């Protein structure tokens, strides 16, 4: 069981990751608007964004209480 302090820390980290994910989305969009763009850089940004999405999902799973059926 997670106590309130840990829950708040997880929520704070989740918020930070979501902001970074959104910012990366904006950077990727801007990069794709300018041709020609660096495909290697674009792939790295997309990979980082995907990693953030995975971390966000894990944190959300930790914060969601288990429901006993």
PDB file of N, CA and C in Angstrom:
ATOM      1  N   UNK A   1       0.847  -1.184   0.000  1.00  0.00           N
ATOM      2  CA  UNK A   1       0.000   0.000   0.000  1.00  0.00           C
ATOM      3  C   UNK A   1       0.888   1.241   0.000  1.00  0.00           C
ATOM      4  N   UNK A   2       0.501   2.232  -0.733  1.00  0.00           N
ATOM      5  CA  UNK A   2       1.262   3.470  -0.861  1.00  0.00           C
ATOM      6  C   UNK A   2       0.681   4.503   0.100  1.00  0.00           C
ATOM      7  N   UNK A   3       1.565   5.185   0.849  1.00  0.00           N
ATOM      8  CA  UNK A   3       1.074   6.216   1.763  1.00  0.00           C
ATOM      9  C   UNK A   3       0.864   7.525   0.997  1.00  0.00           C
ATOM     10  N   UNK A   4       0.309   8.525   1.685  1.00  0.00           N
ATOM     11  CA  UNK A   4      -0.042   9.792   1.041  1.00  0.00           C
ATOM     12  C   UNK A   4       1.174  10.528   0.479  1.00  0.00           C
ATOM     13  N   UNK A   5       2.289  10.459   1.190  1.00  0.00           N
ATOM     14  CA  UNK A   5       3.498  11.144   0.724  1.00  0.00           C
ATOM     15  C   UNK A   5       4.002  10.531  -0.583  1.00  0.00           C
ATOM     16  N   UNK A   6       3.999   9.212  -0.641  1.00  0.00           N
ATOM     17  CA  UNK A   6       4.416   8.527  -1.868  1.00  0.00           C
ATOM     18  C   UNK A   6       3.447   8.806  -3.009  1.00  0.00           C
ATOM     19  N   UNK A   7       2.158   8.822  -2.694  1.00  0.00           N
ATOM     20  CA  UNK A   7       1.142   9.110  -3.707  1.00  0.00           C
ATOM     21  C   UNK A   7       1.341  10.501  -4.281  1.00  0.00           C
ATOM     22  N   UNK A   8       1.590  11.475  -3.422  1.00  0.00           N
ATOM     23  CA  UNK A   8       1.821  12.842  -3.891  1.00  0.00           C
ATOM     24  C   UNK A   8       3.080  12.927  -4.749  1.00  0.00           C
ATOM     25  N   UNK A   9       4.127  12.217  -4.363  1.00  0.00           N
ATOM     26  CA  UNK A   9       5.366  12.212  -5.138  1.00  0.00           C
ATOM     27  C   UNK A   9       5.128  11.584  -6.510  1.00  0.00           C
ATOM     28  N   UNK A  10       4.368  10.490  -6.549  1.00  0.00           N
ATOM     29  CA  UNK A  10       4.052   9.840  -7.822  1.00  0.00           C
ATOM     30  C   UNK A  10       3.211  10.748  -8.715  1.00  0.00           C
ATOM     31  N   UNK A  11       2.250  11.424  -8.115  1.00  0.00           N
ATOM     32  CA  UNK A  11       1.406  12.347  -8.892  1.00  0.00           C
ATOM     33  C   UNK A  11       2.233  13.501  -9.453  1.00  0.00           C
ATOM     34  N   UNK A  12       3.147  14.001  -8.644  1.00  0.00           N
ATOM     35  CA  UNK A  12       4.021  15.088  -9.098  1.00  0.00           C
ATOM     36  C   UNK A  12       4.895  14.617 -10.259  1.00  0.00           C
ATOM     37  N   UNK A  13       5.471  13.443 -10.130  1.00  0.00           N
ATOM     38  CA  UNK A  13       6.317  12.889 -11.197  1.00  0.00           C
ATOM     39  C   UNK A  13       5.482  12.635 -12.453  1.00  0.00           C
ATOM     40  N   UNK A  14       4.273  12.141 -12.267  1.00  0.00           N
ATOM     41  CA  UNK A  14       3.371  11.897 -13.391  1.00  0.00           C
ATOM     42  C   UNK A  14       3.087  13.201 -14.133  1.00  0.00           C
ATOM     43  N   UNK A  15       2.831  14.252 -13.392  1.00  0.00           N
ATOM     44  CA  UNK A  15       2.569  15.565 -13.999  1.00  0.00           C
ATOM     45  C   UNK A  15       3.778  16.042 -14.795  1.00  0.00           C
ATOM     46  N   UNK A  16       4.981  15.867 -14.240  1.00  0.00           N
ATOM     47  CA  UNK A  16       6.204  16.271 -14.941  1.00  0.00           C
ATOM     48  C   UNK A  16       6.362  15.500 -16.246  1.00  0.00           C
ATOM     49  N   UNK A  17       6.123  14.191 -16.197  1.00  0.00           N
ATOM     50  CA  UNK A  17       6.247  13.358 -17.396  1.00  0.00           C
ATOM     51  C   UNK A  17       5.223  13.743 -18.450  1.00  0.00           C
ATOM     52  N   UNK A  18       4.019  14.057 -18.038  1.00  0.00           N
ATOM     53  CA  UNK A  18       2.975  14.442 -18.983  1.00  0.00           C
ATOM     54  C   UNK A  18       3.322  15.770 -19.667  1.00  0.00           C
ATOM     55  N   UNK A  19       3.891  16.689 -18.909  1.00  0.00           N
ATOM     56  CA  UNK A  19       4.314  17.964 -19.491  1.00  0.00           C
ATOM     57  C   UNK A  19       5.439  17.740 -20.491  1.00  0.00           C
ATOM     58  N   UNK A  20       6.413  16.922 -20.126  1.00  0.00           N
ATOM     59  CA  UNK A  20       7.523  16.631 -21.031  1.00  0.00           C
ATOM     60  C   UNK A  20       7.011  15.936 -22.297  1.00  0.00           C
ATOM     61  N   UNK A  21       6.067  15.027 -22.151  1.00  0.00           N
ATOM     62  CA  UNK A  21       5.480  14.316 -23.290  1.00  0.00           C
ATOM     63  C   UNK A  21       4.793  15.309 -24.231  1.00  0.00           C
ATOM     64  N   UNK A  22       4.023  16.218 -23.670  1.00  0.00           N
ATOM     65  CA  UNK A  22       3.326  17.226 -24.472  1.00  0.00           C
ATOM     66  C   UNK A  22       4.318  18.145 -25.183  1.00  0.00           C
ATOM     67  N   UNK A  23       5.367  18.547 -24.457  1.00  0.00           N
ATOM     68  CA  UNK A  23       6.391  19.408 -25.049  1.00  0.00           C
ATOM     69  C   UNK A  23       7.101  18.707 -26.208  1.00  0.00           C
ATOM     70  N   UNK A  24       7.415  17.426 -26.025  1.00  0.00           N
ATOM     71  CA  UNK A  24       8.053  16.667 -27.098  1.00  0.00           C
ATOM     72  C   UNK A  24       7.137  16.573 -28.313  1.00  0.00           C
ATOM     73  N   UNK A  25       5.857  16.428 -28.086  1.00  0.00           N
ATOM     74  CA  UNK A  25       4.895  16.373 -29.176  1.00  0.00           C
ATOM     75  C   UNK A  25       4.941  17.662 -29.989  1.00  0.00           C
ATOM     76  N   UNK A  26       5.036  18.789 -29.296  1.00  0.00           N
ATOM     77  CA  UNK A  26       5.111  20.082 -29.970  1.00  0.00           C
ATOM     78  C   UNK A  26       6.415  20.220 -30.749  1.00  0.00           C
ATOM     79  N   UNK A  27       7.520  19.781 -30.160  1.00  0.00           N
ATOM     80  CA  UNK A  27       8.821  19.854 -30.829  1.00  0.00           C
ATOM     81  C   UNK A  27       8.807  18.992 -32.093  1.00  0.00           C
ATOM     82  N   UNK A  28       8.255  17.800 -31.992  1.00  0.00           N
ATOM     83  CA  UNK A  28       8.171  16.895 -33.146  1.00  0.00           C
ATOM     84  C   UNK A  28       7.328  17.530 -34.253  1.00  0.00           C
ATOM     85  N   UNK A  29       6.204  18.120 -33.878  1.00  0.00           N
ATOM     86  CA  UNK A  29       5.342  18.765 -34.873  1.00  0.00           C
ATOM     87  C   UNK A  29       6.062  19.895 -35.578  1.00  0.00           C
ATOM     88  N   UNK A  30       6.763  20.733 -34.810  1.00  0.00           N
ATOM     89  CA  UNK A  30       7.503  21.846 -35.405  1.00  0.00           C
ATOM     90  C   UNK A  30       8.629  21.354 -36.306  1.00  0.00           C
ATOM     91  N   UNK A  31       9.306  20.301 -35.878  1.00  0.00           N
ATOM     92  CA  UNK A  31      10.407  19.750 -36.667  1.00  0.00           C
ATOM     93  C   UNK A  31       9.894  19.223 -38.010  1.00  0.00           C
ATOM     94  N   UNK A  32       8.745  18.588 -38.001  1.00  0.00           N
ATOM     95  CA  UNK A  32       8.197  18.013 -39.224  1.00  0.00           C
ATOM     96  C   UNK A  32       7.670  19.081 -40.183  1.00  0.00           C
ATOM     97  N   UNK A  33       7.384  20.267 -39.663  1.00  0.00           N
ATOM     98  CA  UNK A  33       6.909  21.359 -40.512  1.00  0.00           C
ATOM     99  C   UNK A  33       8.018  21.918 -41.392  1.00  0.00           C
ATOM    100  N   UNK A  34       9.245  21.829 -40.938  1.00  0.00           N
ATOM    101  CA  UNK A  34      10.363  22.387 -41.685  1.00  0.00           C
ATOM    102  C   UNK A  34      11.040  21.290 -42.490  1.00  0.00           C
ATOM    103  N   UNK A  35      11.040  21.466 -43.786  1.00  0.00           N
ATOM    104  CA  UNK A  35      11.684  20.469 -44.656  1.00  0.00           C
ATOM    105  C   UNK A  35      12.985  21.047 -45.168  1.00  0.00           C
ATOM    106  N   UNK A  36      14.026  20.308 -45.317  1.00  0.00           N
ATOM    107  CA  UNK A  36      14.163  18.920 -44.890  1.00  0.00           C
ATOM    108  C   UNK A  36      14.471  18.872 -43.388  1.00  0.00           C
ATOM    109  N   UNK A  37      14.003  17.853 -42.734  1.00  0.00           N
ATOM    110  CA  UNK A  37      14.270  17.699 -41.308  1.00  0.00           C
ATOM    111  C   UNK A  37      15.157  16.490 -41.071  1.00  0.00           C
ATOM    112  N   UNK A  38      15.788  16.496 -39.919  1.00  0.00           N
ATOM    113  CA  UNK A  38      16.749  15.462 -39.534  1.00  0.00           C
ATOM    114  C   UNK A  38      15.992  14.209 -39.075  1.00  0.00           C
ATOM    115  N   UNK A  39      16.045  13.163 -39.889  1.00  0.00           N
ATOM    116  CA  UNK A  39      15.311  11.933 -39.563  1.00  0.00           C
ATOM    117  C   UNK A  39      15.845  11.258 -38.300  1.00  0.00           C
ATOM    118  N   UNK A  40      17.146  11.331 -38.081  1.00  0.00           N
ATOM    119  CA  UNK A  40      17.730  10.705 -36.881  1.00  0.00           C
ATOM    120  C   UNK A  40      17.219  11.421 -35.629  1.00  0.00           C
ATOM    121  N   UNK A  41      17.233  12.737 -35.678  1.00  0.00           N
ATOM    122  CA  UNK A  41      16.735  13.512 -34.540  1.00  0.00           C
ATOM    123  C   UNK A  41      15.249  13.232 -34.315  1.00  0.00           C
ATOM    124  N   UNK A  42      14.494  13.165 -35.392  1.00  0.00           N
ATOM    125  CA  UNK A  42      13.066  12.889 -35.288  1.00  0.00           C
ATOM    126  C   UNK A  42      12.824  11.515 -34.660  1.00  0.00           C
ATOM    127  N   UNK A  43      13.578  10.515 -35.081  1.00  0.00           N
ATOM    128  CA  UNK A  43      13.429   9.174 -34.503  1.00  0.00           C
ATOM    129  C   UNK A  43      13.770   9.171 -33.016  1.00  0.00           C
ATOM    130  N   UNK A  44      14.820   9.879 -32.638  1.00  0.00           N
ATOM    131  CA  UNK A  44      15.202   9.944 -31.221  1.00  0.00           C
ATOM    132  C   UNK A  44      14.114  10.605 -30.390  1.00  0.00           C
ATOM    133  N   UNK A  45      13.551  11.682 -30.913  1.00  0.00           N
ATOM    134  CA  UNK A  45      12.481  12.372 -30.190  1.00  0.00           C
ATOM    135  C   UNK A  45      11.255  11.478 -30.043  1.00  0.00           C
ATOM    136  N   UNK A  46      10.911  10.776 -31.111  1.00  0.00           N
ATOM    137  CA  UNK A  46       9.751   9.880 -31.047  1.00  0.00           C
ATOM    138  C   UNK A  46       9.996   8.717 -30.086  1.00  0.00           C
ATOM    139  N   UNK A  47      11.215   8.220 -30.060  1.00  0.00           N
ATOM    140  CA  UNK A  47      11.557   7.129 -29.138  1.00  0.00           C
ATOM    141  C   UNK A  47      11.471   7.619 -27.691  1.00  0.00           C
ATOM    142  N   UNK A  48      11.968   8.821 -27.450  1.00  0.00           N
ATOM    143  CA  UNK A  48      11.881   9.410 -26.106  1.00  0.00           C
ATOM    144  C   UNK A  48      10.423   9.603 -25.699  1.00  0.00           C
ATOM    145  N   UNK A  49       9.613  10.077 -26.640  1.00  0.00           N
ATOM    146  CA  UNK A  49       8.189  10.293 -26.367  1.00  0.00           C
ATOM    147  C   UNK A  49       7.501   8.976 -26.020  1.00  0.00           C
ATOM    148  N   UNK A  50       7.832   7.914 -26.752  1.00  0.00           N
ATOM    149  CA  UNK A  50       7.260   6.600 -26.480  1.00  0.00           C
ATOM    150  C   UNK A  50       7.688   6.089 -25.097  1.00  0.00           C
ATOM    151  N   UNK A  51       8.948   6.324 -24.742  1.00  0.00           N
ATOM    152  CA  UNK A  51       9.427   5.942 -23.414  1.00  0.00           C
ATOM    153  C   UNK A  51       8.678   6.676 -22.316  1.00  0.00           C
ATOM    154  N   UNK A  52       8.416   7.957 -22.549  1.00  0.00           N
ATOM    155  CA  UNK A  52       7.649   8.742 -21.580  1.00  0.00           C
ATOM    156  C   UNK A  52       6.232   8.194 -21.445  1.00  0.00           C
ATOM    157  N   UNK A  53       5.648   7.811 -22.576  1.00  0.00           N
ATOM    158  CA  UNK A  53       4.293   7.257 -22.545  1.00  0.00           C
ATOM    159  C   UNK A  53       4.255   5.989 -21.693  1.00  0.00           C
ATOM    160  N   UNK A  54       5.273   5.153 -21.824  1.00  0.00           N
ATOM    161  CA  UNK A  54       5.352   3.930 -21.021  1.00  0.00           C
ATOM    162  C   UNK A  54       5.490   4.254 -19.531  1.00  0.00           C
ATOM    163  N   UNK A  55       6.343   5.226 -19.207  1.00  0.00           N
ATOM    164  CA  UNK A  55       6.519   5.624 -17.802  1.00  0.00           C
ATOM    165  C   UNK A  55       5.221   6.186 -17.240  1.00  0.00           C
ATOM    166  N   UNK A  56       4.517   6.979 -18.040  1.00  0.00           N
ATOM    167  CA  UNK A  56       3.241   7.553 -17.612  1.00  0.00           C
ATOM    168  C   UNK A  56       2.239   6.433 -17.322  1.00  0.00           C
ATOM    169  N   UNK A  57       2.170   5.452 -18.194  1.00  0.00           N
ATOM    170  CA  UNK A  57       1.242   4.335 -18.000  1.00  0.00           C
ATOM    171  C   UNK A  57       1.566   3.565 -16.719  1.00  0.00           C
ATOM    172  N   UNK A  58       2.867   3.343 -16.457  1.00  0.00           N
ATOM    173  CA  UNK A  58       3.256   2.627 -15.230  1.00  0.00           C
ATOM    174  C   UNK A  58       2.866   3.420 -13.979  1.00  0.00           C
ATOM    175  N   UNK A  59       3.101   4.722 -13.996  1.00  0.00           N
ATOM    176  CA  UNK A  59       2.745   5.540 -12.841  1.00  0.00           C
ATOM    177  C   UNK A  59       1.234   5.580 -12.641  1.00  0.00           C
ATOM    178  N   UNK A  60       0.491   5.693 -13.725  1.00  0.00           N
ATOM    179  CA  UNK A  60      -0.966   5.696 -13.614  1.00  0.00           C
ATOM    180  C   UNK A  60      -1.465   4.376 -13.045  1.00  0.00           C
ATOM    181  N   UNK A  61      -0.836   3.277 -13.434  1.00  0.00           N
ATOM    182  CA  UNK A  61      -1.222   1.965 -12.897  1.00  0.00           C
ATOM    183  C   UNK A  61      -0.933   1.884 -11.397  1.00  0.00           C
ATOM    184  N   UNK A  62       0.184   2.479 -10.972  1.00  0.00           N
ATOM    185  CA  UNK A  62       0.511   2.476  -9.539  1.00  0.00           C
ATOM    186  C   UNK A  62      -0.469   3.313  -8.742  1.00  0.00           C
ATOM    187  N   UNK A  63      -0.966   4.388  -9.341  1.00  0.00           N
ATOM    188  CA  UNK A  63      -1.879   5.291  -8.640  1.00  0.00           C
ATOM    189  C   UNK A  63      -3.314   4.808  -8.656  1.00  0.00           C
ATOM    190  N   UNK A  64      -3.644   3.900  -9.568  1.00  0.00           N
ATOM    191  CA  UNK A  64      -5.004   3.380  -9.653  1.00  0.00           C
ATOM    192  C   UNK A  64      -5.142   2.216  -8.672  1.00  0.00           C
ATOM    193  N   UNK A  65      -6.100   2.334  -7.765  1.00  0.00           N
ATOM    194  CA  UNK A  65      -6.269   1.246  -6.787  1.00  0.00           C
ATOM    195  C   UNK A  65      -6.773  -0.024  -7.459  1.00  0.00           C
ATOM    196  N   UNK A  66      -6.299  -1.151  -6.924  1.00  0.00           N
ATOM    197  CA  UNK A  66      -6.748  -2.448  -7.416  1.00  0.00           C
ATOM    198  C   UNK A  66      -8.185  -2.669  -6.985  1.00  0.00           C
ATOM    199  N   UNK A  67      -8.993  -3.110  -7.915  1.00  0.00           N
ATOM    200  CA  UNK A  67     -10.393  -3.389  -7.612  1.00  0.00           C
ATOM    201  C   UNK A  67     -10.554  -4.897  -7.494  1.00  0.00           C
ATOM    202  N   UNK A  68     -11.019  -5.317  -6.364  1.00  0.00           N
ATOM    203  CA  UNK A  68     -11.210  -6.745  -6.131  1.00  0.00           C
ATOM    204  C   UNK A  68     -12.580  -7.124  -6.689  1.00  0.00           C
ATOM    205  N   UNK A  69     -12.567  -8.055  -7.627  1.00  0.00           N
ATOM    206  CA  UNK A  69     -13.819  -8.463  -8.290  1.00  0.00           C
ATOM    207  C   UNK A  69     -14.553  -9.471  -7.448  1.00  0.00           C
TER     208      UNK A  69
END
